[in-house]
N, C-alpha and C. Protein backbone atom coordinates (compact mmCIF):
# COMPACT_ATOMS: atom_id res chain seq x y z
N MET A 1 107.57 118.41 124.84
CA MET A 1 106.74 119.15 125.77
C MET A 1 107.64 119.96 126.69
N LYS A 2 107.23 121.21 126.91
CA LYS A 2 107.90 122.06 127.90
C LYS A 2 106.85 122.58 128.87
N VAL A 3 107.15 122.46 130.15
CA VAL A 3 106.24 122.87 131.21
C VAL A 3 106.81 124.09 131.90
N THR A 4 105.95 125.06 132.18
CA THR A 4 106.34 126.22 132.98
C THR A 4 105.29 126.43 134.06
N VAL A 5 105.70 127.05 135.14
CA VAL A 5 104.76 127.37 136.21
C VAL A 5 104.89 128.84 136.58
N ASP A 6 103.79 129.43 136.98
CA ASP A 6 103.75 130.80 137.45
C ASP A 6 103.48 130.75 138.95
N GLU A 7 104.54 130.86 139.75
CA GLU A 7 104.39 130.75 141.19
C GLU A 7 103.42 131.79 141.75
N GLY A 8 103.32 132.93 141.09
CA GLY A 8 102.42 133.99 141.54
C GLY A 8 100.95 133.61 141.43
N LYS A 9 100.63 132.70 140.53
CA LYS A 9 99.24 132.25 140.35
C LYS A 9 98.92 131.02 141.20
N CYS A 10 99.94 130.32 141.67
CA CYS A 10 99.73 129.07 142.41
C CYS A 10 99.04 129.35 143.75
N CYS A 11 98.00 128.57 144.03
CA CYS A 11 97.27 128.72 145.29
C CYS A 11 97.61 127.60 146.28
N GLY A 12 98.51 126.71 145.89
CA GLY A 12 98.98 125.66 146.80
C GLY A 12 98.02 124.51 147.00
N ALA A 13 97.12 124.28 146.06
CA ALA A 13 96.14 123.20 146.19
C ALA A 13 96.80 121.82 146.18
N GLY A 14 97.88 121.68 145.44
CA GLY A 14 98.62 120.42 145.41
C GLY A 14 98.10 119.37 144.46
N THR A 15 97.12 119.70 143.66
CA THR A 15 96.57 118.73 142.71
C THR A 15 97.64 118.24 141.74
N CYS A 16 98.49 119.14 141.30
CA CYS A 16 99.54 118.76 140.36
C CYS A 16 100.49 117.75 140.97
N VAL A 17 100.81 117.93 142.23
CA VAL A 17 101.73 117.02 142.92
C VAL A 17 101.09 115.64 143.06
N MET A 18 99.80 115.62 143.39
CA MET A 18 99.10 114.33 143.52
C MET A 18 99.05 113.59 142.19
N LEU A 19 98.85 114.33 141.10
CA LEU A 19 98.75 113.70 139.78
C LEU A 19 100.12 113.33 139.21
N ALA A 20 101.09 114.20 139.35
CA ALA A 20 102.39 114.00 138.68
C ALA A 20 103.55 114.32 139.64
N PRO A 21 103.77 113.49 140.64
CA PRO A 21 104.82 113.77 141.63
C PRO A 21 106.24 113.72 141.07
N ASP A 22 106.42 113.15 139.89
CA ASP A 22 107.75 113.15 139.27
C ASP A 22 108.05 114.47 138.58
N VAL A 23 107.02 115.28 138.38
CA VAL A 23 107.17 116.53 137.65
C VAL A 23 106.99 117.75 138.56
N PHE A 24 106.11 117.61 139.57
CA PHE A 24 105.80 118.74 140.46
C PHE A 24 106.01 118.38 141.92
N ASP A 25 106.35 119.39 142.70
CA ASP A 25 106.44 119.27 144.16
C ASP A 25 105.92 120.58 144.73
N GLN A 26 105.91 120.69 146.04
CA GLN A 26 105.47 121.91 146.70
C GLN A 26 106.50 122.34 147.73
N ARG A 27 106.63 123.65 147.88
CA ARG A 27 107.51 124.19 148.92
C ARG A 27 106.90 123.87 150.28
N ASP A 28 107.76 123.53 151.22
CA ASP A 28 107.29 123.17 152.56
C ASP A 28 106.65 124.33 153.30
N ASP A 29 107.18 125.53 153.12
CA ASP A 29 106.70 126.66 153.92
C ASP A 29 105.35 127.22 153.50
N ASP A 30 105.04 127.20 152.20
CA ASP A 30 103.78 127.81 151.77
C ASP A 30 102.99 126.98 150.75
N GLY A 31 103.50 125.82 150.34
CA GLY A 31 102.76 124.95 149.43
C GLY A 31 102.81 125.34 147.97
N ILE A 32 103.57 126.37 147.64
CA ILE A 32 103.65 126.82 146.25
C ILE A 32 104.39 125.77 145.41
N VAL A 33 103.93 125.62 144.18
CA VAL A 33 104.46 124.60 143.28
C VAL A 33 105.95 124.78 143.01
N ILE A 34 106.63 123.64 142.88
CA ILE A 34 108.02 123.58 142.44
C ILE A 34 108.03 122.68 141.21
N LEU A 35 108.58 123.16 140.13
CA LEU A 35 108.69 122.38 138.90
C LEU A 35 109.96 121.55 138.97
N LEU A 36 109.81 120.24 138.99
CA LEU A 36 110.96 119.34 139.08
C LEU A 36 111.54 118.98 137.72
N ASP A 37 110.68 118.98 136.69
CA ASP A 37 111.12 118.56 135.36
C ASP A 37 110.38 119.37 134.31
N GLU A 38 111.07 120.33 133.71
CA GLU A 38 110.40 121.19 132.72
C GLU A 38 110.22 120.52 131.37
N THR A 39 110.91 119.43 131.14
CA THR A 39 110.75 118.67 129.90
C THR A 39 110.54 117.19 130.25
N PRO A 40 109.36 116.86 130.77
CA PRO A 40 109.11 115.49 131.21
C PRO A 40 109.11 114.48 130.05
N ALA A 41 109.40 113.25 130.40
CA ALA A 41 109.39 112.16 129.43
C ALA A 41 107.98 111.99 128.85
N GLU A 42 107.92 111.45 127.67
CA GLU A 42 106.63 111.28 126.99
C GLU A 42 105.63 110.48 127.83
N ALA A 43 106.11 109.59 128.64
CA ALA A 43 105.22 108.79 129.49
C ALA A 43 104.43 109.66 130.47
N HIS A 44 104.92 110.86 130.76
CA HIS A 44 104.25 111.76 131.71
C HIS A 44 103.39 112.82 131.02
N HIS A 45 103.43 112.92 129.72
CA HIS A 45 102.76 114.01 129.02
C HIS A 45 101.26 114.09 129.32
N ALA A 46 100.57 112.99 129.25
CA ALA A 46 99.12 113.02 129.45
C ALA A 46 98.76 113.50 130.85
N ILE A 47 99.46 113.02 131.86
CA ILE A 47 99.13 113.40 133.23
C ILE A 47 99.53 114.84 133.52
N VAL A 48 100.59 115.32 132.87
CA VAL A 48 100.98 116.72 133.02
C VAL A 48 99.94 117.63 132.39
N ARG A 49 99.43 117.24 131.22
CA ARG A 49 98.35 118.01 130.60
C ARG A 49 97.13 118.05 131.52
N GLU A 50 96.80 116.92 132.14
CA GLU A 50 95.67 116.88 133.07
C GLU A 50 95.93 117.79 134.26
N ALA A 51 97.13 117.74 134.82
CA ALA A 51 97.46 118.60 135.96
C ALA A 51 97.29 120.06 135.60
N ALA A 52 97.73 120.44 134.41
CA ALA A 52 97.57 121.83 133.96
C ALA A 52 96.10 122.19 133.81
N SER A 53 95.32 121.27 133.29
CA SER A 53 93.91 121.57 133.04
C SER A 53 93.08 121.68 134.32
N VAL A 54 93.49 121.00 135.38
CA VAL A 54 92.71 121.04 136.63
C VAL A 54 93.30 122.00 137.66
N CYS A 55 94.41 122.66 137.34
CA CYS A 55 95.04 123.59 138.29
C CYS A 55 94.08 124.74 138.59
N PRO A 56 93.66 124.90 139.86
CA PRO A 56 92.70 125.95 140.18
C PRO A 56 93.25 127.36 140.01
N GLY A 57 94.55 127.53 140.07
CA GLY A 57 95.15 128.85 139.89
C GLY A 57 95.61 129.13 138.47
N VAL A 58 95.43 128.15 137.58
CA VAL A 58 95.88 128.24 136.19
C VAL A 58 97.36 128.63 136.16
N ALA A 59 98.14 127.98 137.03
CA ALA A 59 99.55 128.31 137.19
C ALA A 59 100.48 127.47 136.33
N ILE A 60 99.95 126.45 135.68
CA ILE A 60 100.78 125.53 134.88
C ILE A 60 100.50 125.74 133.41
N SER A 61 101.57 125.94 132.64
CA SER A 61 101.45 126.08 131.19
C SER A 61 102.23 124.96 130.52
N VAL A 62 101.66 124.44 129.46
CA VAL A 62 102.29 123.36 128.70
C VAL A 62 102.43 123.80 127.25
N SER A 63 103.65 123.67 126.74
CA SER A 63 103.92 123.96 125.34
C SER A 63 104.31 122.64 124.67
N GLU A 64 103.68 122.36 123.58
CA GLU A 64 103.98 121.10 122.88
C GLU A 64 105.15 121.25 121.92
N ASP A 65 105.70 122.44 121.80
CA ASP A 65 106.77 122.71 120.84
C ASP A 65 108.11 122.10 121.20
N ALA A 66 108.38 121.97 122.49
CA ALA A 66 109.72 121.51 122.91
C ALA A 66 109.88 120.03 122.83
């Protein structure tokens, strides 16, 4: 799995951070997503997929190829 984020689409809702804090964080100044791990361990795959699916800004992309 490879995860990418589009900071331009992020609205700072923080849902991804609440779901997967080992993979996502937020910038202190504006709340925009920070990707901590672009290739998370398999144990995190399901929750990362969920974070991507519920992202209100559609800022998280998941590729299963990596």
